[in-house]
């Protein structure tokens, strides 16, 4: 009887040890499959894998746009309540975060040029922090507060936003596909908050 009891205890010990070993293996597999976290303040890595996330400033002639024709959004009526903004001898009509240029009786929506300043932003902008800089992101455009005015700027490389306007362009450069809007190149990344778009360079 004592021998049978001892044998049963040894058998249970072997099963328990095996279960612990399997659990440890499963935990290790879970750790190896976890995705790295991408933070807005992360500096671009110097490895070849991440070199695509710091392309700098490139010429449009060296980039291949996947769409041959750019979609034009236009209206025949001037947007109600639009504010007149003049920059570099060109006149824009600004309304609710969007800019228009009048051409032959039509108002064509266009991104604003860098350096333009406006007095007010609508309340649906998004605050984007990167390093020591605070940007205001709206309709695919980055603004920086300069003495009470909001100036259109290029964000620093590495800045991440949650979404891009629907009329972004896909661009191929050095074999990689990027997303472009208003002269800014983005790469799609995964962050702790989900999908994001990281600034990797600029088109000139």
Protein backbone atom coordinates (compact mmCIF):
# COMPACT_ATOMS: atom_id res chain seq x y z
CA UNK A 1 0.00 0.00 0.00
CA UNK A 2 2.79 2.43 0.91
CA UNK A 3 4.56 1.57 -2.34
CA UNK A 4 1.44 2.37 -4.41
CA UNK A 5 0.96 5.67 -2.56
CA UNK A 6 4.59 6.66 -3.17
CA UNK A 7 4.31 5.78 -6.87
CA UNK A 8 1.18 7.94 -7.21
CA UNK A 9 2.89 10.94 -5.61
CA UNK A 10 5.87 10.64 -7.99
CA UNK A 11 3.50 10.45 -10.99
CA UNK A 12 1.65 13.62 -9.94
CA UNK A 13 4.97 15.46 -9.44
CA UNK A 14 6.11 14.56 -12.98
CA UNK A 15 2.83 15.84 -14.48
CA UNK A 16 3.05 19.12 -12.53
CA UNK A 17 6.64 19.70 -13.64
CA UNK A 18 5.68 19.08 -17.27
CA UNK A 19 2.82 21.57 -17.03
CA UNK A 20 5.14 24.25 -15.67
CA UNK A 21 7.57 23.64 -18.54
CA UNK A 22 4.81 23.97 -21.18
CA UNK A 23 3.50 27.19 -19.57
CA UNK A 24 6.99 28.68 -19.59
CA UNK A 25 7.38 27.85 -23.30
CA UNK A 26 4.05 29.49 -24.12
CA UNK A 27 5.02 32.63 -22.20
CA UNK A 28 8.30 32.82 -24.12
CA UNK A 29 6.50 32.44 -27.45
CA UNK A 30 4.14 35.25 -26.50
CA UNK A 31 7.06 37.53 -25.68
CA UNK A 32 8.86 36.84 -28.97
CA UNK A 33 5.73 37.68 -31.00
CA UNK A 34 4.99 40.97 -29.22
CA UNK A 35 5.37 44.07 -31.43
CA UNK A 36 7.87 46.78 -30.49
CA UNK A 37 6.36 50.04 -29.35
CA UNK A 38 6.85 53.08 -31.61
CA UNK A 39 6.89 56.38 -29.72
CA UNK A 40 6.58 59.88 -31.15
CA UNK A 41 9.87 60.89 -29.52
CA UNK A 42 11.82 57.94 -30.90
CA UNK A 43 14.82 58.91 -32.97
CA UNK A 44 15.12 57.20 -36.40
CA UNK A 45 17.30 54.10 -36.03
CA UNK A 46 20.60 53.92 -37.88
CA UNK A 47 20.10 50.30 -38.96
CA UNK A 48 19.40 49.44 -42.59
CA UNK A 49 15.92 48.25 -41.62
CA UNK A 50 14.90 51.72 -40.44
CA UNK A 51 16.83 53.76 -43.01
CA UNK A 52 13.59 54.05 -45.01
CA UNK A 53 12.22 56.20 -42.19
CA UNK A 54 14.69 59.03 -42.73
CA UNK A 55 14.93 59.88 -46.43
CA UNK A 56 15.40 63.63 -45.91
CA UNK A 57 14.48 66.07 -48.68
CA UNK A 58 14.17 64.59 -52.17
CA UNK A 59 13.27 65.98 -55.58
CA UNK A 60 9.86 65.22 -57.06
CA UNK A 61 11.71 64.13 -60.20
CA UNK A 62 13.25 61.25 -58.24
CA UNK A 63 9.92 60.03 -56.83
CA UNK A 64 7.38 57.96 -58.73
CA UNK A 65 3.72 58.81 -58.12
CA UNK A 66 1.39 55.83 -58.48
CA UNK A 67 -1.45 58.03 -59.76
CA UNK A 68 -0.78 59.85 -63.03
CA UNK A 69 -3.57 62.35 -62.41
CA UNK A 70 -4.26 64.17 -59.17
CA UNK A 71 -7.90 64.42 -58.12
CA UNK A 72 -9.10 68.04 -58.13
CA UNK A 73 -11.75 69.16 -55.64
CA UNK A 74 -13.55 72.30 -56.82
CA UNK A 75 -16.77 74.23 -56.27
CA UNK A 76 -18.44 76.99 -58.29
CA UNK A 77 -19.42 78.96 -55.22
CA UNK A 78 -17.08 80.65 -52.83
CA UNK A 79 -17.25 78.91 -49.42
CA UNK A 80 -19.53 80.88 -47.10
CA UNK A 81 -17.65 82.91 -44.52
CA UNK A 82 -14.29 82.38 -46.22
CA UNK A 83 -11.42 84.61 -45.10
CA UNK A 84 -9.13 86.19 -47.70
CA UNK A 85 -5.43 85.38 -47.16
CA UNK A 86 -2.64 86.72 -49.39
CA UNK A 87 0.75 85.02 -49.39
CA UNK A 88 3.60 85.55 -51.90
CA UNK A 89 1.28 87.66 -54.09
CA UNK A 90 -1.23 84.82 -54.34
CA UNK A 91 -4.75 85.05 -52.96
CA UNK A 92 -6.36 82.20 -51.02
CA UNK A 93 -9.83 81.83 -49.54
CA UNK A 94 -9.65 80.11 -46.16
CA UNK A 95 -12.61 78.42 -44.50
CA UNK A 96 -12.81 75.86 -41.69
CA UNK A 97 -9.25 74.60 -42.13
CA UNK A 98 -9.38 74.40 -45.93
CA UNK A 99 -7.84 76.66 -48.56
CA UNK A 100 -9.16 77.51 -52.02
CA UNK A 101 -7.78 79.28 -55.09
CA UNK A 102 -10.15 80.95 -57.56
CA UNK A 103 -9.58 79.87 -61.16
CA UNK A 104 -11.98 80.79 -64.00
CA UNK A 105 -14.97 81.04 -61.70
CA UNK A 106 -14.20 77.84 -59.81
CA UNK A 107 -12.74 77.53 -56.32
CA UNK A 108 -10.15 74.76 -56.25
CA UNK A 109 -9.18 73.24 -52.90
CA UNK A 110 -5.42 73.27 -52.36
CA UNK A 111 -3.00 72.70 -49.46
CA UNK A 112 -1.47 75.92 -48.09
CA UNK A 113 2.20 76.73 -48.76
CA UNK A 114 4.75 76.57 -45.97
CA UNK A 115 5.29 79.91 -44.31
CA UNK A 116 1.68 81.07 -44.64
CA UNK A 117 0.16 82.37 -41.40
CA UNK A 118 -3.47 82.50 -40.31
CA UNK A 119 -5.09 83.99 -37.23
CA UNK A 120 -7.50 81.23 -36.25
CA UNK A 121 -7.89 77.46 -36.41
CA UNK A 122 -11.19 75.57 -36.10
CA UNK A 123 -11.62 73.55 -32.92
CA UNK A 124 -11.21 70.15 -34.59
CA UNK A 125 -7.40 70.34 -34.85
CA UNK A 126 -5.22 67.68 -33.20
CA UNK A 127 -2.29 68.50 -30.93
CA UNK A 128 0.86 66.59 -31.92
CA UNK A 129 3.87 66.62 -29.60
CA UNK A 130 7.32 65.66 -30.80
CA UNK A 131 10.42 66.38 -28.77
CA UNK A 132 10.11 69.98 -27.58
CA UNK A 133 7.73 70.98 -30.38
CA UNK A 134 3.95 71.25 -30.27
CA UNK A 135 2.18 71.13 -33.64
CA UNK A 136 -1.44 71.70 -34.53
CA UNK A 137 -2.49 69.14 -37.14
CA UNK A 138 -5.55 69.79 -39.29
CA UNK A 139 -6.62 68.54 -42.74
CA UNK A 140 -3.15 67.06 -43.28
CA UNK A 141 -1.39 70.36 -42.51
CA UNK A 142 0.98 71.09 -39.62
CA UNK A 143 0.82 74.50 -37.92
CA UNK A 144 3.14 76.05 -35.35
CA UNK A 145 2.09 78.83 -32.98
CA UNK A 146 4.18 81.94 -33.65
CA UNK A 147 3.22 84.95 -31.55
CA UNK A 148 -0.50 84.37 -31.83
CA UNK A 149 -0.47 83.32 -35.50
CA UNK A 150 -0.53 79.76 -36.83
CA UNK A 151 2.21 79.18 -39.40
CA UNK A 152 2.24 76.30 -41.88
CA UNK A 153 5.44 74.31 -41.27
CA UNK A 154 7.20 71.06 -42.06
CA UNK A 155 7.19 68.79 -38.98
CA UNK A 156 10.36 67.13 -37.75
CA UNK A 157 11.24 63.72 -39.14
CA UNK A 158 9.92 61.10 -36.72
CA UNK A 159 6.66 62.91 -35.92
CA UNK A 160 3.68 60.52 -35.89
CA UNK A 161 0.01 61.22 -36.65
CA UNK A 162 -2.98 58.88 -36.43
CA UNK A 163 -4.48 59.52 -39.88
CA UNK A 164 -4.00 61.29 -43.22
CA UNK A 165 -6.52 63.02 -45.50
CA UNK A 166 -8.31 60.72 -47.94
CA UNK A 167 -6.65 62.38 -50.95
CA UNK A 168 -3.07 61.46 -50.03
CA UNK A 169 -0.79 60.17 -52.79
CA UNK A 170 1.28 56.98 -52.85
CA UNK A 171 4.90 57.56 -53.83
CA UNK A 172 7.66 55.06 -54.62
CA UNK A 173 11.23 56.04 -53.76
CA UNK A 174 14.25 53.69 -53.64
CA UNK A 175 11.90 50.73 -53.94
CA UNK A 176 9.78 51.71 -50.92
CA UNK A 177 6.19 52.94 -51.00
CA UNK A 178 5.39 56.05 -48.98
CA UNK A 179 2.34 58.23 -48.39
CA UNK A 180 2.56 61.87 -49.47
CA UNK A 181 0.45 64.89 -48.65
CA UNK A 182 1.37 68.55 -49.10
CA UNK A 183 5.00 67.68 -49.79
CA UNK A 184 5.46 65.55 -46.65
CA UNK A 185 6.38 61.85 -46.89
CA UNK A 186 5.06 59.32 -44.38
CA UNK A 187 5.67 55.66 -43.64
CA UNK A 188 2.97 53.49 -42.08
CA UNK A 189 3.95 52.29 -38.58
CA UNK A 190 2.41 50.42 -35.66
CA UNK A 191 2.38 52.15 -32.27
CA UNK A 192 1.07 51.22 -28.83
CA UNK A 193 -2.12 53.08 -29.81
CA UNK A 194 -2.57 51.33 -33.15
CA UNK A 195 -1.70 52.32 -36.70
CA UNK A 196 0.08 55.60 -37.34
CA UNK A 197 1.93 57.54 -40.04
CA UNK A 198 5.49 58.66 -39.32
CA UNK A 199 7.11 61.61 -41.10
CA UNK A 200 10.17 60.35 -42.99
CA UNK A 201 11.01 63.15 -45.43
CA UNK A 202 9.91 65.94 -47.74
CA UNK A 203 9.37 66.53 -51.46
CA UNK A 204 10.64 69.68 -53.14
